[in-house]
Amino acid sequence: MDIAKIAELIELMIKNNLNEIEIEEENSKIKLRKDFPPQPPPIPTPPHFFGSSQHVVEIKDKEPSLLTPSRTAEIRSPMVGIFYRAPSPNAQPYVEVGQEVYEDTVVCIIEAMKVMNEIKAEVHGIITEVLAENGKPVDFNKPLFRVKLL
């Protein structure tokens, strides 16, 4: 089989989006195959059930006191993904330390599988600490913010 015939087969593969082609003639046989770069194995993610909250909020006493119990909660990641404090790189963060948040306040975004998921506080309180680093991966159930409950 000559070079022109092989080039023609390659064009045929490209034109028809074929991954492999095999031709057998009387005195020759050729098999052309596209090689794909090795792909890393997919990262398993926990199932996400729409319509139900995936936040796990832990309530604990910051300093046990009989007179004035100070309660805090942690806003945790409902999924594995990339944590972003703001909707875009140049935008202001959704929340800052010292800011009051309500149950429906969006506090951050977690990007999972190229989808931006808004994460809501689901508690009423004041942000006391940001526990995750902007632009870095977070695991399922990782604490993102600490909140003093009101």
C-alpha atoms as a PDB file:
ATOM      1  CA  MET A   1       0.000   0.000   0.000  1.00  0.00           C
ATOM      2  CA  ASP A   2       1.461   3.344  -0.987  1.00  0.00           C
ATOM      3  CA  ILE A   3       1.748   6.558   1.038  1.00  0.00           C
ATOM      4  CA  ALA A   4      -0.982   8.316  -0.953  1.00  0.00           C
ATOM      5  CA  LYS A   5      -3.461   5.565  -0.059  1.00  0.00           C
ATOM      6  CA  ILE A   6      -2.500   5.822   3.649  1.00  0.00           C
ATOM      7  CA  ALA A   7      -2.920   9.609   3.569  1.00  0.00           C
ATOM      8  CA  GLU A   8      -6.334   9.107   1.969  1.00  0.00           C
ATOM      9  CA  LEU A   9      -7.322   6.722   4.779  1.00  0.00           C
ATOM     10  CA  ILE A  10      -6.197   9.241   7.407  1.00  0.00           C
ATOM     11  CA  GLU A  11      -8.318  11.950   5.760  1.00  0.00           C
ATOM     12  CA  LEU A  12     -11.253   9.527   5.722  1.00  0.00           C
ATOM     13  CA  MET A  13     -10.805   8.933   9.472  1.00  0.00           C
ATOM     14  CA  ILE A  14     -10.692  12.651  10.229  1.00  0.00           C
ATOM     15  CA  LYS A  15     -13.605  13.519   7.934  1.00  0.00           C
ATOM     16  CA  ASN A  16     -15.859  10.807   9.403  1.00  0.00           C
ATOM     17  CA  ASN A  17     -14.631  11.161  12.994  1.00  0.00           C
ATOM     18  CA  LEU A  18     -13.440   7.544  13.147  1.00  0.00           C
ATOM     19  CA  ASN A  19     -11.209   6.268  15.941  1.00  0.00           C
ATOM     20  CA  GLU A  20      -9.980   3.190  14.097  1.00  0.00           C
ATOM     21  CA  ILE A  21      -9.905   1.801  10.558  1.00  0.00           C
ATOM     22  CA  GLU A  22      -8.572  -1.520   9.258  1.00  0.00           C
ATOM     23  CA  ILE A  23      -8.107  -2.342   5.561  1.00  0.00           C
ATOM     24  CA  GLU A  24      -7.037  -5.714   4.195  1.00  0.00           C
ATOM     25  CA  GLU A  25      -6.152  -6.221   0.528  1.00  0.00           C
ATOM     26  CA  GLU A  26      -4.667  -9.189  -1.328  1.00  0.00           C
ATOM     27  CA  ASN A  27      -1.062  -8.615  -0.310  1.00  0.00           C
ATOM     28  CA  SER A  28      -1.299  -5.987   2.428  1.00  0.00           C
ATOM     29  CA  LYS A  29      -3.089  -5.142   5.604  1.00  0.00           C
ATOM     30  CA  ILE A  30      -3.154  -1.810   7.473  1.00  0.00           C
ATOM     31  CA  LYS A  31      -4.747  -0.757  10.727  1.00  0.00           C
ATOM     32  CA  LEU A  32      -4.901   2.925  11.720  1.00  0.00           C
ATOM     33  CA  ARG A  33      -5.970   3.960  15.201  1.00  0.00           C
ATOM     34  CA  LYS A  34      -6.134   7.287  17.030  1.00  0.00           C
ATOM     35  CA  ASP A  35      -4.313   7.148  20.331  1.00  0.00           C
ATOM     36  CA  PHE A  36      -5.775   9.246  23.094  1.00  0.00           C
ATOM     37  CA  PRO A  37      -3.647  10.587  25.934  1.00  0.00           C
ATOM     38  CA  PRO A  38      -4.183   8.669  29.159  1.00  0.00           C
ATOM     39  CA  GLN A  39      -6.942  10.173  31.262  1.00  0.00           C
ATOM     40  CA  PRO A  40      -6.777  10.269  35.053  1.00  0.00           C
ATOM     41  CA  PRO A  41      -9.470   8.181  36.715  1.00  0.00           C
ATOM     42  CA  PRO A  42     -12.597  10.177  37.574  1.00  0.00           C
ATOM     43  CA  ILE A  43     -12.842  11.491  41.107  1.00  0.00           C
ATOM     44  CA  PRO A  44     -15.857   9.939  42.797  1.00  0.00           C
ATOM     45  CA  THR A  45     -18.276  12.457  44.224  1.00  0.00           C
ATOM     46  CA  PRO A  46     -21.042  11.814  46.686  1.00  0.00           C
ATOM     47  CA  PRO A  47     -24.543  11.859  45.213  1.00  0.00           C
ATOM     48  CA  HIS A  48     -26.271  15.228  45.231  1.00  0.00           C
ATOM     49  CA  PHE A  49     -29.968  15.172  45.883  1.00  0.00           C
ATOM     50  CA  PHE A  50     -31.677  18.237  44.482  1.00  0.00           C
ATOM     51  CA  GLY A  51     -34.331  19.829  46.600  1.00  0.00           C
ATOM     52  CA  SER A  52     -32.784  18.761  49.863  1.00  0.00           C
ATOM     53  CA  SER A  53     -30.062  20.446  51.813  1.00  0.00           C
ATOM     54  CA  GLN A  54     -26.656  18.819  51.781  1.00  0.00           C
ATOM     55  CA  HIS A  55     -25.206  21.171  54.407  1.00  0.00           C
ATOM     56  CA  VAL A  56     -24.287  19.649  57.684  1.00  0.00           C
ATOM     57  CA  VAL A  57     -24.397  22.322  60.332  1.00  0.00           C
ATOM     58  CA  GLU A  58     -22.717  21.527  63.610  1.00  0.00           C
ATOM     59  CA  ILE A  59     -23.857  23.459  66.622  1.00  0.00           C
ATOM     60  CA  LYS A  60     -21.490  23.564  69.527  1.00  0.00           C
ATOM     61  CA  ASP A  61     -20.750  25.737  72.511  1.00  0.00           C
ATOM     62  CA  LYS A  62     -17.799  27.998  71.859  1.00  0.00           C
ATOM     63  CA  GLU A  63     -17.224  28.678  75.554  1.00  0.00           C
ATOM     64  CA  PRO A  64     -19.532  26.842  77.905  1.00  0.00           C
ATOM     65  CA  SER A  65     -21.158  29.341  80.212  1.00  0.00           C
ATOM     66  CA  LEU A  66     -24.152  29.025  82.499  1.00  0.00           C
ATOM     67  CA  LEU A  67     -25.226  32.649  82.065  1.00  0.00           C
ATOM     68  CA  THR A  68     -24.735  33.413  78.367  1.00  0.00           C
ATOM     69  CA  PRO A  69     -24.267  30.387  76.162  1.00  0.00           C
ATOM     70  CA  SER A  70     -22.421  31.380  73.000  1.00  0.00           C
ATOM     71  CA  ARG A  71     -23.404  29.055  70.181  1.00  0.00           C
ATOM     72  CA  THR A  72     -21.576  28.653  66.898  1.00  0.00           C
ATOM     73  CA  ALA A  73     -22.187  26.674  63.745  1.00  0.00           C
ATOM     74  CA  GLU A  74     -20.088  25.635  60.798  1.00  0.00           C
ATOM     75  CA  ILE A  75     -21.296  25.970  57.240  1.00  0.00           C
ATOM     76  CA  ARG A  76     -19.954  22.849  55.535  1.00  0.00           C
ATOM     77  CA  SER A  77     -19.410  21.897  51.915  1.00  0.00           C
ATOM     78  CA  PRO A  78     -22.270  19.814  50.482  1.00  0.00           C
ATOM     79  CA  MET A  79     -20.007  18.442  47.720  1.00  0.00           C
ATOM     80  CA  VAL A  80     -16.478  18.012  46.439  1.00  0.00           C
ATOM     81  CA  GLY A  81     -15.328  20.922  44.272  1.00  0.00           C
ATOM     82  CA  ILE A  82     -13.471  24.224  44.052  1.00  0.00           C
ATOM     83  CA  PHE A  83     -14.390  26.873  46.658  1.00  0.00           C
ATOM     84  CA  TYR A  84     -14.924  30.468  45.488  1.00  0.00           C
ATOM     85  CA  ARG A  85     -15.791  33.352  47.819  1.00  0.00           C
ATOM     86  CA  ALA A  86     -17.017  35.602  44.978  1.00  0.00           C
ATOM     87  CA  PRO A  87     -19.023  35.170  41.761  1.00  0.00           C
ATOM     88  CA  SER A  88     -16.040  36.259  39.636  1.00  0.00           C
ATOM     89  CA  PRO A  89     -12.326  36.968  40.199  1.00  0.00           C
ATOM     90  CA  ASN A  90     -12.766  40.763  40.375  1.00  0.00           C
ATOM     91  CA  ALA A  91     -16.035  40.788  42.339  1.00  0.00           C
ATOM     92  CA  GLN A  92     -16.440  41.380  46.065  1.00  0.00           C
ATOM     93  CA  PRO A  93     -16.806  38.222  48.206  1.00  0.00           C
ATOM     94  CA  TYR A  94     -20.356  37.135  48.965  1.00  0.00           C
ATOM     95  CA  VAL A  95     -19.709  37.511  52.707  1.00  0.00           C
ATOM     96  CA  GLU A  96     -17.012  38.938  54.961  1.00  0.00           C
ATOM     97  CA  VAL A  97     -16.060  38.247  58.578  1.00  0.00           C
ATOM     98  CA  GLY A  98     -18.428  40.216  60.824  1.00  0.00           C
ATOM     99  CA  GLN A  99     -21.286  40.200  58.312  1.00  0.00           C
ATOM    100  CA  GLU A 100     -24.755  39.044  59.380  1.00  0.00           C
ATOM    101  CA  VAL A 101     -26.186  36.202  57.290  1.00  0.00           C
ATOM    102  CA  TYR A 102     -29.645  34.689  57.068  1.00  0.00           C
ATOM    103  CA  GLU A 103     -30.768  31.212  56.076  1.00  0.00           C
ATOM    104  CA  ASP A 104     -31.105  32.178  52.390  1.00  0.00           C
ATOM    105  CA  THR A 105     -27.882  34.250  52.144  1.00  0.00           C
ATOM    106  CA  VAL A 106     -25.494  32.963  49.467  1.00  0.00           C
ATOM    107  CA  VAL A 107     -22.093  32.677  51.154  1.00  0.00           C
ATOM    108  CA  CYS A 108     -19.946  31.142  48.385  1.00  0.00           C
ATOM    109  CA  ILE A 109     -19.839  29.069  45.204  1.00  0.00           C
ATOM    110  CA  ILE A 110     -18.519  25.546  44.807  1.00  0.00           C
ATOM    111  CA  GLU A 111     -17.628  24.547  41.275  1.00  0.00           C
ATOM    112  CA  ALA A 112     -18.266  20.861  40.678  1.00  0.00           C
ATOM    113  CA  MET A 113     -18.026  19.305  37.222  1.00  0.00           C
ATOM    114  CA  LYS A 114     -18.013  22.753  35.565  1.00  0.00           C
ATOM    115  CA  VAL A 115     -21.251  23.737  37.351  1.00  0.00           C
ATOM    116  CA  MET A 116     -21.256  26.698  39.740  1.00  0.00           C
ATOM    117  CA  ASN A 117     -23.323  25.772  42.826  1.00  0.00           C
ATOM    118  CA  GLU A 118     -24.402  28.605  45.132  1.00  0.00           C
ATOM    119  CA  ILE A 119     -24.075  27.636  48.784  1.00  0.00           C
ATOM    120  CA  LYS A 120     -26.464  29.260  51.265  1.00  0.00           C
ATOM    121  CA  ALA A 121     -25.834  29.859  54.966  1.00  0.00           C
ATOM    122  CA  GLU A 122     -28.956  27.994  56.161  1.00  0.00           C
ATOM    123  CA  VAL A 123     -28.449  29.579  59.587  1.00  0.00           C
ATOM    124  CA  HIS A 124     -28.976  33.073  60.999  1.00  0.00           C
ATOM    125  CA  GLY A 125     -25.831  34.506  62.486  1.00  0.00           C
ATOM    126  CA  ILE A 126     -22.609  36.447  62.030  1.00  0.00           C
ATOM    127  CA  ILE A 127     -19.648  35.127  60.051  1.00  0.00           C
ATOM    128  CA  THR A 128     -16.752  34.822  62.507  1.00  0.00           C
ATOM    129  CA  GLU A 129     -14.230  32.944  60.386  1.00  0.00           C
ATOM    130  CA  VAL A 130     -13.598  31.852  56.793  1.00  0.00           C
ATOM    131  CA  LEU A 131     -12.178  28.326  56.997  1.00  0.00           C
ATOM    132  CA  ALA A 132     -11.593  27.506  53.303  1.00  0.00           C
ATOM    133  CA  GLU A 133      -9.117  29.102  50.909  1.00  0.00           C
ATOM    134  CA  ASN A 134     -10.461  30.839  47.801  1.00  0.00           C
ATOM    135  CA  GLY A 135      -9.848  28.906  44.575  1.00  0.00           C
ATOM    136  CA  LYS A 136      -8.753  25.745  46.384  1.00  0.00           C
ATOM    137  CA  PRO A 137     -10.410  22.296  46.367  1.00  0.00           C
ATOM    138  CA  VAL A 138     -12.744  21.354  49.199  1.00  0.00           C
ATOM    139  CA  ASP A 139     -13.949  17.911  50.194  1.00  0.00           C
ATOM    140  CA  PHE A 140     -17.453  16.823  51.053  1.00  0.00           C
ATOM    141  CA  ASN A 141     -18.460  18.039  54.527  1.00  0.00           C
ATOM    142  CA  LYS A 142     -15.385  20.295  54.904  1.00  0.00           C
ATOM    143  CA  PRO A 143     -16.073  23.353  57.098  1.00  0.00           C
ATOM    144  CA  LEU A 144     -16.202  26.513  54.964  1.00  0.00           C
ATOM    145  CA  PHE A 145     -17.294  29.185  57.476  1.00  0.00           C
ATOM    146  CA  ARG A 146     -17.793  29.498  61.221  1.00  0.00           C
ATOM    147  CA  VAL A 147     -20.909  31.418  62.273  1.00  0.00           C
ATOM    148  CA  LYS A 148     -21.985  32.817  65.642  1.00  0.00           C
ATOM    149  CA  LEU A 149     -25.679  31.992  65.839  1.00  0.00           C
ATOM    150  CA  LEU A 150     -28.161  34.755  66.609  1.00  0.00           C
END
